[in-house]
Amino acid sequence: MHELSLVNSILDQLEEISRSNYDRKIVRVDLKVGALEHIEPEVLKNIFDQVKEGSCAERAELVVSQEMALVRCRNCMMEYTPEDSIWICPRCEFLGGEIIKGTEIIIESVYLE
């Protein structure tokens, strides 16, 4: 399960943040997830809530925001947000493109006790 390994990686990073801040507990985590990662925020929150027990984030709230995808047409160089899984440039109708954003997973903010 992709989401479980992601949550475990996030918890590892949170443990490091807690240790470097005198073992203060974490009360909130703001996470940005790119739309092309195909991760449902509610699924991610539920898994986080299930596995955070006993960690520095056991009372933390996970707030997930989703970043829209942005693609650049390789033909006319127009940047656009794809509407579905088939990327067709709205200007020249070229199929495909180069991903500019939408694959990131970023811990934006961590709030400590």
PDB file of N, CA and C in Angstrom:
ATOM      1  N   MET A   1       0.844  -1.184   0.000  1.00  0.00           N
ATOM      2  CA  MET A   1       0.000   0.000   0.000  1.00  0.00           C
ATOM      3  C   MET A   1       0.890   1.248   0.000  1.00  0.00           C
ATOM      4  N   HIS A   2       0.758   2.043  -1.027  1.00  0.00           N
ATOM      5  CA  HIS A   2       1.563   3.245  -1.210  1.00  0.00           C
ATOM      6  C   HIS A   2       1.378   4.244  -0.064  1.00  0.00           C
ATOM      7  N   GLU A   3       0.139   4.426   0.380  1.00  0.00           N
ATOM      8  CA  GLU A   3      -0.142   5.404   1.422  1.00  0.00           C
ATOM      9  C   GLU A   3       0.512   5.035   2.752  1.00  0.00           C
ATOM     10  N   LEU A   4       0.540   3.741   3.082  1.00  0.00           N
ATOM     11  CA  LEU A   4       1.153   3.310   4.333  1.00  0.00           C
ATOM     12  C   LEU A   4       2.644   3.611   4.345  1.00  0.00           C
ATOM     13  N   SER A   5       3.343   3.333   3.261  1.00  0.00           N
ATOM     14  CA  SER A   5       4.782   3.630   3.221  1.00  0.00           C
ATOM     15  C   SER A   5       5.017   5.138   3.253  1.00  0.00           C
ATOM     16  N   LEU A   6       4.132   5.903   2.643  1.00  0.00           N
ATOM     17  CA  LEU A   6       4.242   7.362   2.697  1.00  0.00           C
ATOM     18  C   LEU A   6       4.073   7.862   4.126  1.00  0.00           C
ATOM     19  N   VAL A   7       3.065   7.366   4.827  1.00  0.00           N
ATOM     20  CA  VAL A   7       2.830   7.780   6.213  1.00  0.00           C
ATOM     21  C   VAL A   7       4.011   7.384   7.091  1.00  0.00           C
ATOM     22  N   ASN A   8       4.560   6.201   6.907  1.00  0.00           N
ATOM     23  CA  ASN A   8       5.724   5.787   7.693  1.00  0.00           C
ATOM     24  C   ASN A   8       6.917   6.705   7.436  1.00  0.00           C
ATOM     25  N   SER A   9       7.105   7.119   6.206  1.00  0.00           N
ATOM     26  CA  SER A   9       8.186   8.054   5.869  1.00  0.00           C
ATOM     27  C   SER A   9       7.946   9.415   6.529  1.00  0.00           C
ATOM     28  N   ILE A  10       6.707   9.871   6.505  1.00  0.00           N
ATOM     29  CA  ILE A  10       6.367  11.146   7.158  1.00  0.00           C
ATOM     30  C   ILE A  10       6.637  11.057   8.653  1.00  0.00           C
ATOM     31  N   LEU A  11       6.225   9.952   9.274  1.00  0.00           N
ATOM     32  CA  LEU A  11       6.457   9.789  10.716  1.00  0.00           C
ATOM     33  C   LEU A  11       7.944   9.754  11.050  1.00  0.00           C
ATOM     34  N   ASP A  12       8.753   9.141  10.197  1.00  0.00           N
ATOM     35  CA  ASP A  12      10.207   9.154  10.405  1.00  0.00           C
ATOM     36  C   ASP A  12      10.736  10.584  10.401  1.00  0.00           C
ATOM     37  N   GLN A  13      10.257  11.379   9.451  1.00  0.00           N
ATOM     38  CA  GLN A  13      10.693  12.781   9.385  1.00  0.00           C
ATOM     39  C   GLN A  13      10.204  13.573  10.592  1.00  0.00           C
ATOM     40  N   LEU A  14       8.992  13.296  11.045  1.00  0.00           N
ATOM     41  CA  LEU A  14       8.463  13.987  12.221  1.00  0.00           C
ATOM     42  C   LEU A  14       9.244  13.629  13.480  1.00  0.00           C
ATOM     43  N   GLU A  15       9.654  12.372  13.592  1.00  0.00           N
ATOM     44  CA  GLU A  15      10.477  11.966  14.740  1.00  0.00           C
ATOM     45  C   GLU A  15      11.792  12.758  14.762  1.00  0.00           C
ATOM     46  N   GLU A  16      12.390  12.944  13.599  1.00  0.00           N
ATOM     47  CA  GLU A  16      13.631  13.711  13.508  1.00  0.00           C
ATOM     48  C   GLU A  16      13.398  15.173  13.882  1.00  0.00           C
ATOM     49  N   ILE A  17      12.305  15.731  13.415  1.00  0.00           N
ATOM     50  CA  ILE A  17      11.971  17.121  13.767  1.00  0.00           C
ATOM     51  C   ILE A  17      11.752  17.247  15.267  1.00  0.00           C
ATOM     52  N   SER A  18      11.047  16.299  15.853  1.00  0.00           N
ATOM     53  CA  SER A  18      10.804  16.310  17.298  1.00  0.00           C
ATOM     54  C   SER A  18      12.120  16.224  18.071  1.00  0.00           C
ATOM     55  N   ARG A  19      12.986  15.277  17.678  1.00  0.00           N
ATOM     56  CA  ARG A  19      14.281  15.121  18.360  1.00  0.00           C
ATOM     57  C   ARG A  19      15.115  16.398  18.286  1.00  0.00           C
ATOM     58  N   SER A  20      15.120  17.046  17.134  1.00  0.00           N
ATOM     59  CA  SER A  20      15.938  18.250  16.981  1.00  0.00           C
ATOM     60  C   SER A  20      15.319  19.469  17.668  1.00  0.00           C
ATOM     61  N   ASN A  21      14.119  19.304  18.216  1.00  0.00           N
ATOM     62  CA  ASN A  21      13.452  20.378  18.954  1.00  0.00           C
ATOM     63  C   ASN A  21      13.162  19.943  20.392  1.00  0.00           C
ATOM     64  N   TYR A  22      14.164  19.322  21.012  1.00  0.00           N
ATOM     65  CA  TYR A  22      14.109  18.928  22.428  1.00  0.00           C
ATOM     66  C   TYR A  22      12.964  17.966  22.723  1.00  0.00           C
ATOM     67  N   ASP A  23      12.688  17.069  21.773  1.00  0.00           N
ATOM     68  CA  ASP A  23      11.662  16.031  21.926  1.00  0.00           C
ATOM     69  C   ASP A  23      10.269  16.587  22.199  1.00  0.00           C
ATOM     70  N   ARG A  24       9.992  17.754  21.657  1.00  0.00           N
ATOM     71  CA  ARG A  24       8.642  18.325  21.792  1.00  0.00           C
ATOM     72  C   ARG A  24       7.675  17.522  20.930  1.00  0.00           C
ATOM     73  N   LYS A  25       6.474  17.366  21.438  1.00  0.00           N
ATOM     74  CA  LYS A  25       5.437  16.620  20.721  1.00  0.00           C
ATOM     75  C   LYS A  25       4.896  17.468  19.564  1.00  0.00           C
ATOM     76  N   ILE A  26       4.428  16.785  18.548  1.00  0.00           N
ATOM     77  CA  ILE A  26       3.879  17.444  17.369  1.00  0.00           C
ATOM     78  C   ILE A  26       2.361  17.434  17.477  1.00  0.00           C
ATOM     79  N   VAL A  27       1.748  18.598  17.212  1.00  0.00           N
ATOM     80  CA  VAL A  27       0.298  18.705  17.352  1.00  0.00           C
ATOM     81  C   VAL A  27      -0.427  18.880  16.016  1.00  0.00           C
ATOM     82  N   ARG A  28       0.314  19.280  14.993  1.00  0.00           N
ATOM     83  CA  ARG A  28      -0.312  19.443  13.673  1.00  0.00           C
ATOM     84  C   ARG A  28       0.748  19.358  12.585  1.00  0.00           C
ATOM     85  N   VAL A  29       0.356  18.749  11.464  1.00  0.00           N
ATOM     86  CA  VAL A  29       1.236  18.631  10.302  1.00  0.00           C
ATOM     87  C   VAL A  29       0.435  19.058   9.076  1.00  0.00           C
ATOM     88  N   ASP A  30       0.969  20.031   8.335  1.00  0.00           N
ATOM     89  CA  ASP A  30       0.355  20.447   7.072  1.00  0.00           C
ATOM     90  C   ASP A  30       1.139  19.804   5.940  1.00  0.00           C
ATOM     91  N   LEU A  31       0.453  19.048   5.115  1.00  0.00           N
ATOM     92  CA  LEU A  31       1.076  18.289   4.038  1.00  0.00           C
ATOM     93  C   LEU A  31       0.455  18.691   2.705  1.00  0.00           C
ATOM     94  N   LYS A  32       1.294  18.917   1.706  1.00  0.00           N
ATOM     95  CA  LYS A  32       0.817  19.209   0.348  1.00  0.00           C
ATOM     96  C   LYS A  32       1.121  18.004  -0.530  1.00  0.00           C
ATOM     97  N   VAL A  33       0.101  17.527  -1.239  1.00  0.00           N
ATOM     98  CA  VAL A  33       0.240  16.353  -2.093  1.00  0.00           C
ATOM     99  C   VAL A  33      -0.190  16.728  -3.514  1.00  0.00           C
ATOM    100  N   GLY A  34       0.668  16.437  -4.474  1.00  0.00           N
ATOM    101  CA  GLY A  34       0.348  16.709  -5.869  1.00  0.00           C
ATOM    102  C   GLY A  34      -0.744  15.793  -6.389  1.00  0.00           C
ATOM    103  N   ALA A  35      -1.603  16.338  -7.243  1.00  0.00           N
ATOM    104  CA  ALA A  35      -2.748  15.587  -7.774  1.00  0.00           C
ATOM    105  C   ALA A  35      -2.323  14.362  -8.571  1.00  0.00           C
ATOM    106  N   LEU A  36      -1.143  14.406  -9.183  1.00  0.00           N
ATOM    107  CA  LEU A  36      -0.701  13.269  -9.997  1.00  0.00           C
ATOM    108  C   LEU A  36      -0.213  12.095  -9.157  1.00  0.00           C
ATOM    109  N   GLU A  37      -0.118  12.275  -7.861  1.00  0.00           N
ATOM    110  CA  GLU A  37       0.236  11.168  -6.965  1.00  0.00           C
ATOM    111  C   GLU A  37      -0.955  10.249  -6.715  1.00  0.00           C
ATOM    112  N   HIS A  38      -2.157  10.703  -7.054  1.00  0.00           N
ATOM    113  CA  HIS A  38      -3.384   9.913  -6.906  1.00  0.00           C
ATOM    114  C   HIS A  38      -3.564   9.392  -5.480  1.00  0.00           C
ATOM    115  N   ILE A  39      -3.389  10.301  -4.534  1.00  0.00           N
ATOM    116  CA  ILE A  39      -3.564   9.963  -3.123  1.00  0.00           C
ATOM    117  C   ILE A  39      -4.798  10.687  -2.613  1.00  0.00           C
ATOM    118  N   GLU A  40      -5.705   9.933  -2.021  1.00  0.00           N
ATOM    119  CA  GLU A  40      -6.907  10.518  -1.436  1.00  0.00           C
ATOM    120  C   GLU A  40      -6.556  11.067  -0.052  1.00  0.00           C
ATOM    121  N   PRO A  41      -6.778  12.371   0.168  1.00  0.00           N
ATOM    122  CA  PRO A  41      -6.449  12.960   1.471  1.00  0.00           C
ATOM    123  C   PRO A  41      -7.084  12.243   2.659  1.00  0.00           C
ATOM    124  N   GLU A  42      -8.349  11.839   2.525  1.00  0.00           N
ATOM    125  CA  GLU A  42      -9.023  11.172   3.648  1.00  0.00           C
ATOM    126  C   GLU A  42      -8.406   9.811   3.955  1.00  0.00           C
ATOM    127  N   VAL A  43      -8.007   9.087   2.931  1.00  0.00           N
ATOM    128  CA  VAL A  43      -7.338   7.794   3.133  1.00  0.00           C
ATOM    129  C   VAL A  43      -6.017   8.017   3.861  1.00  0.00           C
ATOM    130  N   LEU A  44      -5.267   9.017   3.432  1.00  0.00           N
ATOM    131  CA  LEU A  44      -3.985   9.330   4.058  1.00  0.00           C
ATOM    132  C   LEU A  44      -4.176   9.709   5.528  1.00  0.00           C
ATOM    133  N   LYS A  45      -5.176  10.527   5.816  1.00  0.00           N
ATOM    134  CA  LYS A  45      -5.462  10.925   7.206  1.00  0.00           C
ATOM    135  C   LYS A  45      -5.832   9.724   8.059  1.00  0.00           C
ATOM    136  N   ASN A  46      -6.660   8.832   7.505  1.00  0.00           N
ATOM    137  CA  ASN A  46      -7.073   7.646   8.265  1.00  0.00           C
ATOM    138  C   ASN A  46      -5.885   6.745   8.588  1.00  0.00           C
ATOM    139  N   ILE A  47      -5.014   6.542   7.633  1.00  0.00           N
ATOM    140  CA  ILE A  47      -3.826   5.710   7.880  1.00  0.00           C
ATOM    141  C   ILE A  47      -2.929   6.386   8.901  1.00  0.00           C
ATOM    142  N   PHE A  48      -2.732   7.698   8.765  1.00  0.00           N
ATOM    143  CA  PHE A  48      -1.918   8.449   9.725  1.00  0.00           C
ATOM    144  C   PHE A  48      -2.477   8.259  11.139  1.00  0.00           C
ATOM    145  N   ASP A  49      -3.783   8.402  11.288  1.00  0.00           N
ATOM    146  CA  ASP A  49      -4.413   8.246  12.605  1.00  0.00           C
ATOM    147  C   ASP A  49      -4.233   6.840  13.168  1.00  0.00           C
ATOM    148  N   GLN A  50      -4.160   5.843  12.295  1.00  0.00           N
ATOM    149  CA  GLN A  50      -4.004   4.456  12.750  1.00  0.00           C
ATOM    150  C   GLN A  50      -2.579   4.133  13.180  1.00  0.00           C
ATOM    151  N   VAL A  51      -1.583   4.756  12.548  1.00  0.00           N
ATOM    152  CA  VAL A  51      -0.194   4.353  12.831  1.00  0.00           C
ATOM    153  C   VAL A  51       0.594   5.346  13.676  1.00  0.00           C
ATOM    154  N   LYS A  52       0.012   6.471  14.035  1.00  0.00           N
ATOM    155  CA  LYS A  52       0.749   7.486  14.808  1.00  0.00           C
ATOM    156  C   LYS A  52       0.850   7.149  16.302  1.00  0.00           C
ATOM    157  N   GLU A  53       0.086   6.163  16.742  1.00  0.00           N
ATOM    158  CA  GLU A  53       0.083   5.751  18.158  1.00  0.00           C
ATOM    159  C   GLU A  53       1.495   5.468  18.653  1.00  0.00           C
ATOM    160  N   GLY A  54       1.844   6.068  19.776  1.00  0.00           N
ATOM    161  CA  GLY A  54       3.157   5.844  20.380  1.00  0.00           C
ATOM    162  C   GLY A  54       4.274   6.681  19.777  1.00  0.00           C
ATOM    163  N   SER A  55       3.961   7.497  18.795  1.00  0.00           N
ATOM    164  CA  SER A  55       4.991   8.344  18.176  1.00  0.00           C
ATOM    165  C   SER A  55       4.926   9.756  18.761  1.00  0.00           C
ATOM    166  N   CYS A  56       5.844  10.595  18.327  1.00  0.00           N
ATOM    167  CA  CYS A  56       5.859  11.982  18.756  1.00  0.00           C
ATOM    168  C   CYS A  56       4.651  12.747  18.224  1.00  0.00           C
ATOM    169  N   ALA A  57       3.932  12.146  17.284  1.00  0.00           N
ATOM    170  CA  ALA A  57       2.777  12.788  16.660  1.00  0.00           C
ATOM    171  C   ALA A  57       1.469  12.098  17.029  1.00  0.00           C
ATOM    172  N   GLU A  58       1.447  11.381  18.156  1.00  0.00           N
ATOM    173  CA  GLU A  58       0.261  10.594  18.472  1.00  0.00           C
ATOM    174  C   GLU A  58      -0.984  11.439  18.708  1.00  0.00           C
ATOM    175  N   ARG A  59      -0.813  12.731  19.012  1.00  0.00           N
ATOM    176  CA  ARG A  59      -1.975  13.618  19.174  1.00  0.00           C
ATOM    177  C   ARG A  59      -2.088  14.614  18.025  1.00  0.00           C
ATOM    178  N   ALA A  60      -1.303  14.419  16.994  1.00  0.00           N
ATOM    179  CA  ALA A  60      -1.247  15.387  15.895  1.00  0.00           C
ATOM    180  C   ALA A  60      -2.410  15.225  14.927  1.00  0.00           C
ATOM    181  N   GLU A  61      -2.795  16.357  14.371  1.00  0.00           N
ATOM    182  CA  GLU A  61      -3.770  16.393  13.289  1.00  0.00           C
ATOM    183  C   GLU A  61      -3.003  16.508  11.977  1.00  0.00           C
ATOM    184  N   LEU A  62      -3.371  15.718  11.002  1.00  0.00           N
ATOM    185  CA  LEU A  62      -2.767  15.798   9.676  1.00  0.00           C
ATOM    186  C   LEU A  62      -3.729  16.568   8.778  1.00  0.00           C
ATOM    187  N   VAL A  63      -3.241  17.685   8.234  1.00  0.00           N
ATOM    188  CA  VAL A  63      -4.038  18.505   7.320  1.00  0.00           C
ATOM    189  C   VAL A  63      -3.418  18.358   5.935  1.00  0.00           C
ATOM    190  N   VAL A  64      -4.201  17.829   4.991  1.00  0.00           N
ATOM    191  CA  VAL A  64      -3.688  17.544   3.653  1.00  0.00           C
ATOM    192  C   VAL A  64      -4.347  18.477   2.647  1.00  0.00           C
ATOM    193  N   SER A  65      -3.514  19.167   1.879  1.00  0.00           N
ATOM    194  CA  SER A  65      -4.034  19.965   0.766  1.00  0.00           C
ATOM    195  C   SER A  65      -3.507  19.354  -0.524  1.00  0.00           C
ATOM    196  N   GLN A  66      -4.326  19.449  -1.549  1.00  0.00           N
ATOM    197  CA  GLN A  66      -3.928  18.848  -2.820  1.00  0.00           C
ATOM    198  C   GLN A  66      -3.527  19.944  -3.801  1.00  0.00           C
ATOM    199  N   GLU A  67      -2.357  19.761  -4.419  1.00  0.00           N
ATOM    200  CA  GLU A  67      -1.817  20.691  -5.404  1.00  0.00           C
ATOM    201  C   GLU A  67      -2.254  20.238  -6.790  1.00  0.00           C
ATOM    202  N   MET A  68      -2.819  21.143  -7.545  1.00  0.00           N
ATOM    203  CA  MET A  68      -3.253  20.834  -8.911  1.00  0.00           C
ATOM    204  C   MET A  68      -2.044  20.505  -9.783  1.00  0.00           C
ATOM    205  N   ALA A  69      -2.280  19.686 -10.775  1.00  0.00           N
ATOM    206  CA  ALA A  69      -1.225  19.342 -11.728  1.00  0.00           C
ATOM    207  C   ALA A  69      -1.064  20.477 -12.735  1.00  0.00           C
ATOM    208  N   LEU A  70       0.161  20.620 -13.226  1.00  0.00           N
ATOM    209  CA  LEU A  70       0.449  21.586 -14.280  1.00  0.00           C
ATOM    210  C   LEU A  70       1.353  20.888 -15.283  1.00  0.00           C
ATOM    211  N   VAL A  71       0.956  20.951 -16.561  1.00  0.00           N
ATOM    212  CA  VAL A  71       1.653  20.254 -17.635  1.00  0.00           C
ATOM    213  C   VAL A  71       2.011  21.267 -18.718  1.00  0.00           C
ATOM    214  N   ARG A  72       3.176  21.069 -19.343  1.00  0.00           N
ATOM    215  CA  ARG A  72       3.588  21.920 -20.467  1.00  0.00           C
ATOM    216  C   ARG A  72       3.519  21.099 -21.748  1.00  0.00           C
ATOM    217  N   CYS A  73       2.811  21.638 -22.734  1.00  0.00           N
ATOM    218  CA  CYS A  73       2.704  20.990 -24.043  1.00  0.00           C
ATOM    219  C   CYS A  73       4.083  20.980 -24.695  1.00  0.00           C
ATOM    220  N   ARG A  74       4.481  19.845 -25.221  1.00  0.00           N
ATOM    221  CA  ARG A  74       5.791  19.732 -25.877  1.00  0.00           C
ATOM    222  C   ARG A  74       5.777  20.285 -27.299  1.00  0.00           C
ATOM    223  N   ASN A  75       4.600  20.580 -27.790  1.00  0.00           N
ATOM    224  CA  ASN A  75       4.483  21.111 -29.144  1.00  0.00           C
ATOM    225  C   ASN A  75       4.447  22.647 -29.137  1.00  0.00           C
ATOM    226  N   CYS A  76       3.475  23.245 -28.406  1.00  0.00           N
ATOM    227  CA  CYS A  76       3.321  24.704 -28.428  1.00  0.00           C
ATOM    228  C   CYS A  76       3.794  25.379 -27.140  1.00  0.00           C
ATOM    229  N   MET A  77       4.224  24.593 -26.146  1.00  0.00           N
ATOM    230  CA  MET A  77       4.764  25.065 -24.868  1.00  0.00           C
ATOM    231  C   MET A  77       3.724  25.717 -23.949  1.00  0.00           C
ATOM    232  N   MET A  78       2.460  25.572 -24.254  1.00  0.00           N
ATOM    233  CA  MET A  78       1.417  26.095 -23.366  1.00  0.00           C
ATOM    234  C   MET A  78       1.389  25.280 -22.081  1.00  0.00           C
ATOM    235  N   GLU A  79       1.222  25.965 -20.952  1.00  0.00           N
ATOM    236  CA  GLU A  79       1.072  25.295 -19.666  1.00  0.00           C
ATOM    237  C   GLU A  79      -0.416  25.213 -19.342  1.00  0.00           C
ATOM    238  N   TYR A  80      -0.849  24.029 -18.903  1.00  0.00           N
ATOM    239  CA  TYR A  80      -2.270  23.831 -18.612  1.00  0.00           C
ATOM    240  C   TYR A  80      -2.441  22.768 -17.534  1.00  0.00           C
ATOM    241  N   THR A  81      -3.619  22.788 -16.919  1.00  0.00           N
ATOM    242  CA  THR A  81      -4.002  21.775 -15.938  1.00  0.00           C
ATOM    243  C   THR A  81      -4.832  20.720 -16.663  1.00  0.00           C
ATOM    244  N   PRO A  82      -4.330  19.481 -16.711  1.00  0.00           N
ATOM    245  CA  PRO A  82      -5.091  18.436 -17.412  1.00  0.00           C
ATOM    246  C   PRO A  82      -6.410  18.144 -16.699  1.00  0.00           C
ATOM    247  N   GLU A  83      -7.428  17.870 -17.489  1.00  0.00           N
ATOM    248  CA  GLU A  83      -8.752  17.605 -16.922  1.00  0.00           C
ATOM    249  C   GLU A  83      -8.972  16.140 -16.592  1.00  0.00           C
ATOM    250  N   ASP A  84      -8.182  15.252 -17.191  1.00  0.00           N
ATOM    251  CA  ASP A  84      -8.301  13.826 -16.891  1.00  0.00           C
ATOM    252  C   ASP A  84      -6.946  13.163 -17.123  1.00  0.00           C
ATOM    253  N   SER A  85      -6.939  11.851 -17.210  1.00  0.00           N
ATOM    254  CA  SER A  85      -5.663  11.138 -17.331  1.00  0.00           C
ATOM    255  C   SER A  85      -5.080  11.169 -18.742  1.00  0.00           C
ATOM    256  N   ILE A  86      -5.853  11.613 -19.707  1.00  0.00           N
ATOM    257  CA  ILE A  86      -5.328  11.779 -21.064  1.00  0.00           C
ATOM    258  C   ILE A  86      -5.050  13.265 -21.262  1.00  0.00           C
ATOM    259  N   TRP A  87      -3.774  13.588 -21.437  1.00  0.00           N
ATOM    260  CA  TRP A  87      -3.385  14.994 -21.530  1.00  0.00           C
ATOM    261  C   TRP A  87      -3.430  15.462 -22.971  1.00  0.00           C
ATOM    262  N   ILE A  88      -4.369  16.346 -23.258  1.00  0.00           N
ATOM    263  CA  ILE A  88      -4.500  16.923 -24.591  1.00  0.00           C
ATOM    264  C   ILE A  88      -4.415  18.440 -24.445  1.00  0.00           C
ATOM    265  N   CYS A  89      -3.472  19.042 -25.121  1.00  0.00           N
ATOM    266  CA  CYS A  89      -3.280  20.481 -25.042  1.00  0.00           C
ATOM    267  C   CYS A  89      -4.534  21.203 -25.527  1.00  0.00           C
ATOM    268  N   PRO A  90      -5.043  22.142 -24.733  1.00  0.00           N
ATOM    269  CA  PRO A  90      -6.244  22.865 -25.151  1.00  0.00           C
ATOM    270  C   PRO A  90      -5.998  23.829 -26.313  1.00  0.00           C
ATOM    271  N   ARG A  91      -4.738  24.167 -26.556  1.00  0.00           N
ATOM    272  CA  ARG A  91      -4.434  25.083 -27.653  1.00  0.00           C
ATOM    273  C   ARG A  91      -4.230  24.351 -28.977  1.00  0.00           C
ATOM    274  N   CYS A  92      -3.314  23.377 -28.993  1.00  0.00           N
ATOM    275  CA  CYS A  92      -2.944  22.737 -30.272  1.00  0.00           C
ATOM    276  C   CYS A  92      -3.396  21.281 -30.370  1.00  0.00           C
ATOM    277  N   GLU A  93      -3.990  20.753 -29.293  1.00  0.00           N
ATOM    278  CA  GLU A  93      -4.497  19.379 -29.224  1.00  0.00           C
ATOM    279  C   GLU A  93      -3.411  18.312 -29.332  1.00  0.00           C
ATOM    280  N   PHE A  94      -2.177  18.692 -29.005  1.00  0.00           N
ATOM    281  CA  PHE A  94      -1.066  17.734 -28.957  1.00  0.00           C
ATOM    282  C   PHE A  94      -1.297  16.811 -27.772  1.00  0.00           C
ATOM    283  N   LEU A  95      -1.012  15.545 -27.953  1.00  0.00           N
ATOM    284  CA  LEU A  95      -1.219  14.551 -26.906  1.00  0.00           C
ATOM    285  C   LEU A  95       0.036  14.423 -26.054  1.00  0.00           C
ATOM    286  N   GLY A  96      -0.124  14.469 -24.745  1.00  0.00           N
ATOM    287  CA  GLY A  96       1.004  14.312 -23.825  1.00  0.00           C
ATOM    288  C   GLY A  96       1.553  15.647 -23.392  1.00  0.00           C
ATOM    289  N   GLY A  97       2.649  15.602 -22.653  1.00  0.00           N
ATOM    290  CA  GLY A  97       3.268  16.827 -22.164  1.00  0.00           C
ATOM    291  C   GLY A  97       4.291  16.540 -21.094  1.00  0.00           C
ATOM    292  N   GLU A  98       4.902  17.600 -20.626  1.00  0.00           N
ATOM    293  CA  GLU A  98       5.924  17.525 -19.585  1.00  0.00           C
ATOM    294  C   GLU A  98       5.322  17.991 -18.265  1.00  0.00           C
ATOM    295  N   ILE A  99       5.500  17.207 -17.217  1.00  0.00           N
ATOM    296  CA  ILE A  99       4.963  17.557 -15.901  1.00  0.00           C
ATOM    297  C   ILE A  99       5.789  18.703 -15.319  1.00  0.00           C
ATOM    298  N   ILE A 100       5.108  19.764 -14.920  1.00  0.00           N
ATOM    299  CA  ILE A 100       5.757  20.881 -14.246  1.00  0.00           C
ATOM    300  C   ILE A 100       5.544  20.773 -12.741  1.00  0.00           C
ATOM    301  N   LYS A 101       4.318  20.480 -12.342  1.00  0.00           N
ATOM    302  CA  LYS A 101       4.040  20.230 -10.925  1.00  0.00           C
ATOM    303  C   LYS A 101       2.836  19.317 -10.797  1.00  0.00           C
ATOM    304  N   GLY A 102       2.764  18.695  -9.637  1.00  0.00           N
ATOM    305  CA  GLY A 102       1.663  17.775  -9.375  1.00  0.00           C
ATOM    306  C   GLY A 102       2.116  16.434  -8.850  1.00  0.00           C
ATOM    307  N   THR A 103       3.448  16.249  -8.716  1.00  0.00           N
ATOM    308  CA  THR A 103       3.965  14.977  -8.194  1.00  0.00           C
ATOM    309  C   THR A 103       4.634  15.143  -6.830  1.00  0.00           C
ATOM    310  N   GLU A 104       4.581  16.342  -6.276  1.00  0.00           N
ATOM    311  CA  GLU A 104       5.271  16.580  -5.019  1.00  0.00           C
ATOM    312  C   GLU A 104       4.471  16.106  -3.805  1.00  0.00           C
ATOM    313  N   ILE A 105       5.216  15.745  -2.780  1.00  0.00           N
ATOM    314  CA  ILE A 105       4.658  15.457  -1.462  1.00  0.00           C
ATOM    315  C   ILE A 105       5.553  16.226  -0.494  1.00  0.00           C
ATOM    316  N   ILE A 106       4.992  17.279   0.103  1.00  0.00           N
ATOM    317  CA  ILE A 106       5.813  18.209   0.878  1.00  0.00           C
ATOM    318  C   ILE A 106       5.198  18.415   2.256  1.00  0.00           C
ATOM    319  N   ILE A 107       6.023  18.257   3.290  1.00  0.00           N
ATOM    320  CA  ILE A 107       5.611  18.661   4.624  1.00  0.00           C
ATOM    321  C   ILE A 107       5.811  20.176   4.669  1.00  0.00           C
ATOM    322  N   GLU A 108       4.701  20.907   4.648  1.00  0.00           N
ATOM    323  CA  GLU A 108       4.788  22.366   4.593  1.00  0.00           C
ATOM    324  C   GLU A 108       5.036  22.985   5.965  1.00  0.00           C
ATOM    325  N   SER A 109       4.330  22.475   6.988  1.00  0.00           N
ATOM    326  CA  SER A 109       4.443  23.048   8.328  1.00  0.00           C
ATOM    327  C   SER A 109       4.307  21.947   9.369  1.00  0.00           C
ATOM    328  N   VAL A 110       5.039  22.130  10.454  1.00  0.00           N
ATOM    329  CA  VAL A 110       4.923  21.233  11.603  1.00  0.00           C
ATOM    330  C   VAL A 110       4.740  22.113  12.834  1.00  0.00           C
ATOM    331  N   TYR A 111       3.688  21.867  13.579  1.00  0.00           N
ATOM    332  CA  TYR A 111       3.409  22.652  14.778  1.00  0.00           C
ATOM    333  C   TYR A 111       3.760  21.811  16.003  1.00  0.00           C
ATOM    334  N   LEU A 112       4.557  22.403  16.867  1.00  0.00           N
ATOM    335  CA  LEU A 112       5.032  21.707  18.065  1.00  0.00           C
ATOM    336  C   LEU A 112       4.270  22.157  19.298  1.00  0.00           C
ATOM    337  N   GLU A 113       4.232  21.276  20.299  1.00  0.00           N
ATOM    338  CA  GLU A 113       3.585  21.552  21.577  1.00  0.00           C
ATOM    339  C   GLU A 113       4.286  22.685  22.284  1.00  0.00           C
TER     340      GLU A 113
END
